[in-house]
Amino acid sequence: MLIRLIQRALAPAANGPLQSTKVANGVPSQLMETAEASVGTDPRRAAELRSAAMAYLGVVR
């Protein structure tokens, strides 16, 4: 699941540098928001989403 999230997050980067920086700001925040929403019901999924957001930021920046 973590791999699929990272692949989905990296797919828009192929559209060019300007497009990828716009997307770079949105993807990690979306992942973190989803993680916060699922903390009470599925803490493991929340941790995976946080890890995916951090990994995405590490690749993009």
PDB file of N, CA and C in Angstrom:
ATOM      1  N   MET A   1       0.816  -1.184   0.000  1.00  0.00           N
ATOM      2  CA  MET A   1       0.000   0.000   0.000  1.00  0.00           C
ATOM      3  C   MET A   1       0.868   1.259   0.000  1.00  0.00           C
ATOM      4  N   LEU A   2       1.921   1.273   0.767  1.00  0.00           N
ATOM      5  CA  LEU A   2       2.808   2.427   0.825  1.00  0.00           C
ATOM      6  C   LEU A   2       3.436   2.688  -0.542  1.00  0.00           C
ATOM      7  N   ILE A   3       3.824   1.620  -1.223  1.00  0.00           N
ATOM      8  CA  ILE A   3       4.425   1.770  -2.545  1.00  0.00           C
ATOM      9  C   ILE A   3       3.431   2.393  -3.520  1.00  0.00           C
ATOM     10  N   ARG A   4       2.173   1.951  -3.476  1.00  0.00           N
ATOM     11  CA  ARG A   4       1.161   2.510  -4.369  1.00  0.00           C
ATOM     12  C   ARG A   4       0.937   3.994  -4.102  1.00  0.00           C
ATOM     13  N   LEU A   5       0.935   4.396  -2.841  1.00  0.00           N
ATOM     14  CA  LEU A   5       0.764   5.808  -2.506  1.00  0.00           C
ATOM     15  C   LEU A   5       1.912   6.647  -3.055  1.00  0.00           C
ATOM     16  N   ILE A   6       3.112   6.133  -2.914  1.00  0.00           N
ATOM     17  CA  ILE A   6       4.277   6.868  -3.412  1.00  0.00           C
ATOM     18  C   ILE A   6       4.249   6.944  -4.932  1.00  0.00           C
ATOM     19  N   GLN A   7       3.871   5.845  -5.592  1.00  0.00           N
ATOM     20  CA  GLN A   7       3.794   5.857  -7.047  1.00  0.00           C
ATOM     21  C   GLN A   7       2.750   6.857  -7.530  1.00  0.00           C
ATOM     22  N   ARG A   8       1.600   6.895  -6.867  1.00  0.00           N
ATOM     23  CA  ARG A   8       0.558   7.850  -7.244  1.00  0.00           C
ATOM     24  C   ARG A   8       1.026   9.275  -7.013  1.00  0.00           C
ATOM     25  N   ALA A   9       1.764   9.476  -5.957  1.00  0.00           N
ATOM     26  CA  ALA A   9       2.236  10.816  -5.632  1.00  0.00           C
ATOM     27  C   ALA A   9       3.290  11.291  -6.624  1.00  0.00           C
ATOM     28  N   LEU A  10       4.112  10.385  -7.125  1.00  0.00           N
ATOM     29  CA  LEU A  10       5.184  10.762  -8.036  1.00  0.00           C
ATOM     30  C   LEU A  10       4.730  10.859  -9.480  1.00  0.00           C
ATOM     31  N   ALA A  11       3.603  10.304  -9.836  1.00  0.00           N
ATOM     32  CA  ALA A  11       3.141  10.299 -11.221  1.00  0.00           C
ATOM     33  C   ALA A  11       2.998  11.707 -11.806  1.00  0.00           C
ATOM     34  N   PRO A  12       2.439  12.693 -11.111  1.00  0.00           N
ATOM     35  CA  PRO A  12       2.303  14.027 -11.704  1.00  0.00           C
ATOM     36  C   PRO A  12       3.629  14.742 -11.940  1.00  0.00           C
ATOM     37  N   ALA A  13       4.707  14.295 -11.360  1.00  0.00           N
ATOM     38  CA  ALA A  13       6.005  14.956 -11.534  1.00  0.00           C
ATOM     39  C   ALA A  13       6.483  14.891 -12.978  1.00  0.00           C
ATOM     40  N   ALA A  14       5.931  14.007 -13.773  1.00  0.00           N
ATOM     41  CA  ALA A  14       6.327  13.887 -15.169  1.00  0.00           C
ATOM     42  C   ALA A  14       5.771  15.026 -16.024  1.00  0.00           C
ATOM     43  N   ASN A  15       4.878  15.839 -15.497  1.00  0.00           N
ATOM     44  CA  ASN A  15       4.260  16.921 -16.253  1.00  0.00           C
ATOM     45  C   ASN A  15       5.146  18.152 -16.382  1.00  0.00           C
ATOM     46  N   GLY A  16       6.250  18.187 -15.719  1.00  0.00           N
ATOM     47  CA  GLY A  16       7.156  19.324 -15.824  1.00  0.00           C
ATOM     48  C   GLY A  16       7.441  19.927 -14.467  1.00  0.00           C
ATOM     49  N   PRO A  17       8.487  20.760 -14.377  1.00  0.00           N
ATOM     50  CA  PRO A  17       8.900  21.284 -13.075  1.00  0.00           C
ATOM     51  C   PRO A  17       7.872  22.199 -12.425  1.00  0.00           C
ATOM     52  N   LEU A  18       7.216  23.065 -13.181  1.00  0.00           N
ATOM     53  CA  LEU A  18       6.238  23.965 -12.565  1.00  0.00           C
ATOM     54  C   LEU A  18       5.034  23.210 -12.051  1.00  0.00           C
ATOM     55  N   GLN A  19       4.578  22.286 -12.841  1.00  0.00           N
ATOM     56  CA  GLN A  19       3.430  21.484 -12.429  1.00  0.00           C
ATOM     57  C   GLN A  19       3.785  20.636 -11.211  1.00  0.00           C
ATOM     58  N   SER A  20       4.984  20.052 -11.197  1.00  0.00           N
ATOM     59  CA  SER A  20       5.346  19.179 -10.087  1.00  0.00           C
ATOM     60  C   SER A  20       5.503  19.948  -8.779  1.00  0.00           C
ATOM     61  N   THR A  21       5.942  21.213  -8.821  1.00  0.00           N
ATOM     62  CA  THR A  21       6.056  21.959  -7.571  1.00  0.00           C
ATOM     63  C   THR A  21       4.689  22.326  -7.020  1.00  0.00           C
ATOM     64  N   LYS A  22       3.720  22.606  -7.894  1.00  0.00           N
ATOM     65  CA  LYS A  22       2.363  22.857  -7.430  1.00  0.00           C
ATOM     66  C   LYS A  22       1.799  21.612  -6.769  1.00  0.00           C
ATOM     67  N   VAL A  23       2.016  20.475  -7.415  1.00  0.00           N
ATOM     68  CA  VAL A  23       1.505  19.214  -6.891  1.00  0.00           C
ATOM     69  C   VAL A  23       2.262  18.832  -5.625  1.00  0.00           C
ATOM     70  N   ALA A  24       3.545  19.159  -5.561  1.00  0.00           N
ATOM     71  CA  ALA A  24       4.356  18.795  -4.406  1.00  0.00           C
ATOM     72  C   ALA A  24       3.808  19.398  -3.126  1.00  0.00           C
ATOM     73  N   ASN A  25       3.250  20.572  -3.211  1.00  0.00           N
ATOM     74  CA  ASN A  25       2.691  21.199  -2.021  1.00  0.00           C
ATOM     75  C   ASN A  25       1.384  20.559  -1.608  1.00  0.00           C
ATOM     76  N   GLY A  26       0.634  19.997  -2.548  1.00  0.00           N
ATOM     77  CA  GLY A  26      -0.675  19.450  -2.253  1.00  0.00           C
ATOM     78  C   GLY A  26      -0.672  17.997  -1.811  1.00  0.00           C
ATOM     79  N   VAL A  27       0.185  17.192  -2.395  1.00  0.00           N
ATOM     80  CA  VAL A  27       0.177  15.761  -2.112  1.00  0.00           C
ATOM     81  C   VAL A  27       0.520  15.450  -0.657  1.00  0.00           C
ATOM     82  N   PRO A  28       1.623  15.975  -0.119  1.00  0.00           N
ATOM     83  CA  PRO A  28       1.927  15.656   1.276  1.00  0.00           C
ATOM     84  C   PRO A  28       0.841  16.130   2.243  1.00  0.00           C
ATOM     85  N   SER A  29       0.272  17.299   1.961  1.00  0.00           N
ATOM     86  CA  SER A  29      -0.774  17.780   2.863  1.00  0.00           C
ATOM     87  C   SER A  29      -2.017  16.910   2.777  1.00  0.00           C
ATOM     88  N   GLN A  30      -2.333  16.423   1.592  1.00  0.00           N
ATOM     89  CA  GLN A  30      -3.470  15.507   1.454  1.00  0.00           C
ATOM     90  C   GLN A  30      -3.209  14.203   2.193  1.00  0.00           C
ATOM     91  N   LEU A  31      -1.989  13.698   2.074  1.00  0.00           N
ATOM     92  CA  LEU A  31      -1.646  12.465   2.779  1.00  0.00           C
ATOM     93  C   LEU A  31      -1.721  12.659   4.293  1.00  0.00           C
ATOM     94  N   MET A  32      -1.228  13.796   4.770  1.00  0.00           N
ATOM     95  CA  MET A  32      -1.266  14.049   6.208  1.00  0.00           C
ATOM     96  C   MET A  32      -2.695  14.248   6.705  1.00  0.00           C
ATOM     97  N   GLU A  33      -3.533  14.912   5.908  1.00  0.00           N
ATOM     98  CA  GLU A  33      -4.930  15.079   6.302  1.00  0.00           C
ATOM     99  C   GLU A  33      -5.646  13.734   6.378  1.00  0.00           C
ATOM    100  N   THR A  34      -5.384  12.873   5.414  1.00  0.00           N
ATOM    101  CA  THR A  34      -5.989  11.544   5.425  1.00  0.00           C
ATOM    102  C   THR A  34      -5.478  10.745   6.613  1.00  0.00           C
ATOM    103  N   ALA A  35      -4.201  10.905   6.928  1.00  0.00           N
ATOM    104  CA  ALA A  35      -3.633  10.203   8.085  1.00  0.00           C
ATOM    105  C   ALA A  35      -4.305  10.654   9.369  1.00  0.00           C
ATOM    106  N   GLU A  36      -4.497  11.964   9.506  1.00  0.00           N
ATOM    107  CA  GLU A  36      -5.152  12.477  10.709  1.00  0.00           C
ATOM    108  C   GLU A  36      -6.592  11.977  10.821  1.00  0.00           C
ATOM    109  N   ALA A  37      -7.250  11.849   9.684  1.00  0.00           N
ATOM    110  CA  ALA A  37      -8.637  11.388   9.696  1.00  0.00           C
ATOM    111  C   ALA A  37      -8.748   9.921  10.088  1.00  0.00           C
ATOM    112  N   SER A  38      -7.718   9.138   9.806  1.00  0.00           N
ATOM    113  CA  SER A  38      -7.797   7.699  10.075  1.00  0.00           C
ATOM    114  C   SER A  38      -7.064   7.276  11.344  1.00  0.00           C
ATOM    115  N   VAL A  39      -6.579   8.220  12.140  1.00  0.00           N
ATOM    116  CA  VAL A  39      -5.844   7.883  13.360  1.00  0.00           C
ATOM    117  C   VAL A  39      -6.695   7.050  14.318  1.00  0.00           C
ATOM    118  N   GLY A  40      -7.928   7.447  14.541  1.00  0.00           N
ATOM    119  CA  GLY A  40      -8.777   6.759  15.507  1.00  0.00           C
ATOM    120  C   GLY A  40      -9.238   5.395  15.059  1.00  0.00           C
ATOM    121  N   THR A  41      -9.403   5.217  13.764  1.00  0.00           N
ATOM    122  CA  THR A  41      -9.934   3.956  13.266  1.00  0.00           C
ATOM    123  C   THR A  41      -8.859   2.971  12.840  1.00  0.00           C
ATOM    124  N   ASP A  42      -7.765   3.482  12.253  1.00  0.00           N
ATOM    125  CA  ASP A  42      -6.711   2.593  11.755  1.00  0.00           C
ATOM    126  C   ASP A  42      -5.343   3.264  11.937  1.00  0.00           C
ATOM    127  N   PRO A  43      -4.758   3.128  13.123  1.00  0.00           N
ATOM    128  CA  PRO A  43      -3.478   3.803  13.386  1.00  0.00           C
ATOM    129  C   PRO A  43      -2.340   3.339  12.477  1.00  0.00           C
ATOM    130  N   ARG A  44      -2.375   2.091  12.069  1.00  0.00           N
ATOM    131  CA  ARG A  44      -1.308   1.586  11.184  1.00  0.00           C
ATOM    132  C   ARG A  44      -1.369   2.280   9.825  1.00  0.00           C
ATOM    133  N   ARG A  45      -2.567   2.444   9.300  1.00  0.00           N
ATOM    134  CA  ARG A  45      -2.729   3.140   8.017  1.00  0.00           C
ATOM    135  C   ARG A  45      -2.289   4.595   8.159  1.00  0.00           C
ATOM    136  N   ALA A  46      -2.608   5.213   9.271  1.00  0.00           N
ATOM    137  CA  ALA A  46      -2.197   6.598   9.502  1.00  0.00           C
ATOM    138  C   ALA A  46      -0.674   6.714   9.493  1.00  0.00           C
ATOM    139  N   ALA A  47      -0.004   5.771  10.122  1.00  0.00           N
ATOM    140  CA  ALA A  47       1.460   5.789  10.133  1.00  0.00           C
ATOM    141  C   ALA A  47       2.025   5.597   8.730  1.00  0.00           C
ATOM    142  N   GLU A  48       1.399   4.722   7.940  1.00  0.00           N
ATOM    143  CA  GLU A  48       1.853   4.508   6.564  1.00  0.00           C
ATOM    144  C   GLU A  48       1.669   5.769   5.728  1.00  0.00           C
ATOM    145  N   LEU A  49       0.550   6.447   5.917  1.00  0.00           N
ATOM    146  CA  LEU A  49       0.309   7.676   5.165  1.00  0.00           C
ATOM    147  C   LEU A  49       1.299   8.771   5.549  1.00  0.00           C
ATOM    148  N   ARG A  50       1.610   8.870   6.825  1.00  0.00           N
ATOM    149  CA  ARG A  50       2.616   9.854   7.254  1.00  0.00           C
ATOM    150  C   ARG A  50       3.978   9.532   6.656  1.00  0.00           C
ATOM    151  N   SER A  51       4.322   8.248   6.642  1.00  0.00           N
ATOM    152  CA  SER A  51       5.596   7.832   6.043  1.00  0.00           C
ATOM    153  C   SER A  51       5.632   8.139   4.557  1.00  0.00           C
ATOM    154  N   ALA A  52       4.509   7.928   3.887  1.00  0.00           N
ATOM    155  CA  ALA A  52       4.438   8.227   2.456  1.00  0.00           C
ATOM    156  C   ALA A  52       4.612   9.719   2.206  1.00  0.00           C
ATOM    157  N   ALA A  53       4.017  10.554   3.044  1.00  0.00           N
ATOM    158  CA  ALA A  53       4.166  11.998   2.896  1.00  0.00           C
ATOM    159  C   ALA A  53       5.621  12.414   3.095  1.00  0.00           C
ATOM    160  N   MET A  54       6.258  11.859   4.084  1.00  0.00           N
ATOM    161  CA  MET A  54       7.668  12.186   4.338  1.00  0.00           C
ATOM    162  C   MET A  54       8.557  11.700   3.195  1.00  0.00           C
ATOM    163  N   ALA A  55       8.287  10.507   2.687  1.00  0.00           N
ATOM    164  CA  ALA A  55       9.065   9.982   1.570  1.00  0.00           C
ATOM    165  C   ALA A  55       8.885  10.853   0.334  1.00  0.00           C
ATOM    166  N   TYR A  56       7.668  11.288   0.088  1.00  0.00           N
ATOM    167  CA  TYR A  56       7.392  12.152  -1.053  1.00  0.00           C
ATOM    168  C   TYR A  56       8.145  13.467  -0.933  1.00  0.00           C
ATOM    169  N   LEU A  57       8.132  14.045   0.235  1.00  0.00           N
ATOM    170  CA  LEU A  57       8.858  15.292   0.441  1.00  0.00           C
ATOM    171  C   LEU A  57      10.357  15.094   0.258  1.00  0.00           C
ATOM    172  N   GLY A  58      10.864  13.945   0.683  1.00  0.00           N
ATOM    173  CA  GLY A  58      12.285  13.663   0.514  1.00  0.00           C
ATOM    174  C   GLY A  58      12.686  13.539  -0.942  1.00  0.00           C
ATOM    175  N   VAL A  59      11.798  13.016  -1.780  1.00  0.00           N
ATOM    176  CA  VAL A  59      12.091  12.845  -3.200  1.00  0.00           C
ATOM    177  C   VAL A  59      11.928  14.155  -3.946  1.00  0.00           C
ATOM    178  N   VAL A  60      10.882  14.893  -3.642  1.00  0.00           N
ATOM    179  CA  VAL A  60      10.572  16.117  -4.376  1.00  0.00           C
ATOM    180  C   VAL A  60      11.551  17.227  -4.047  1.00  0.00           C
ATOM    181  N   ARG A  61      11.904  17.365  -2.807  1.00  0.00           N
ATOM    182  CA  ARG A  61      12.781  18.477  -2.408  1.00  0.00           C
ATOM    183  C   ARG A  61      14.183  18.003  -2.470  1.00  0.00           C
TER     184      ARG A  61
END
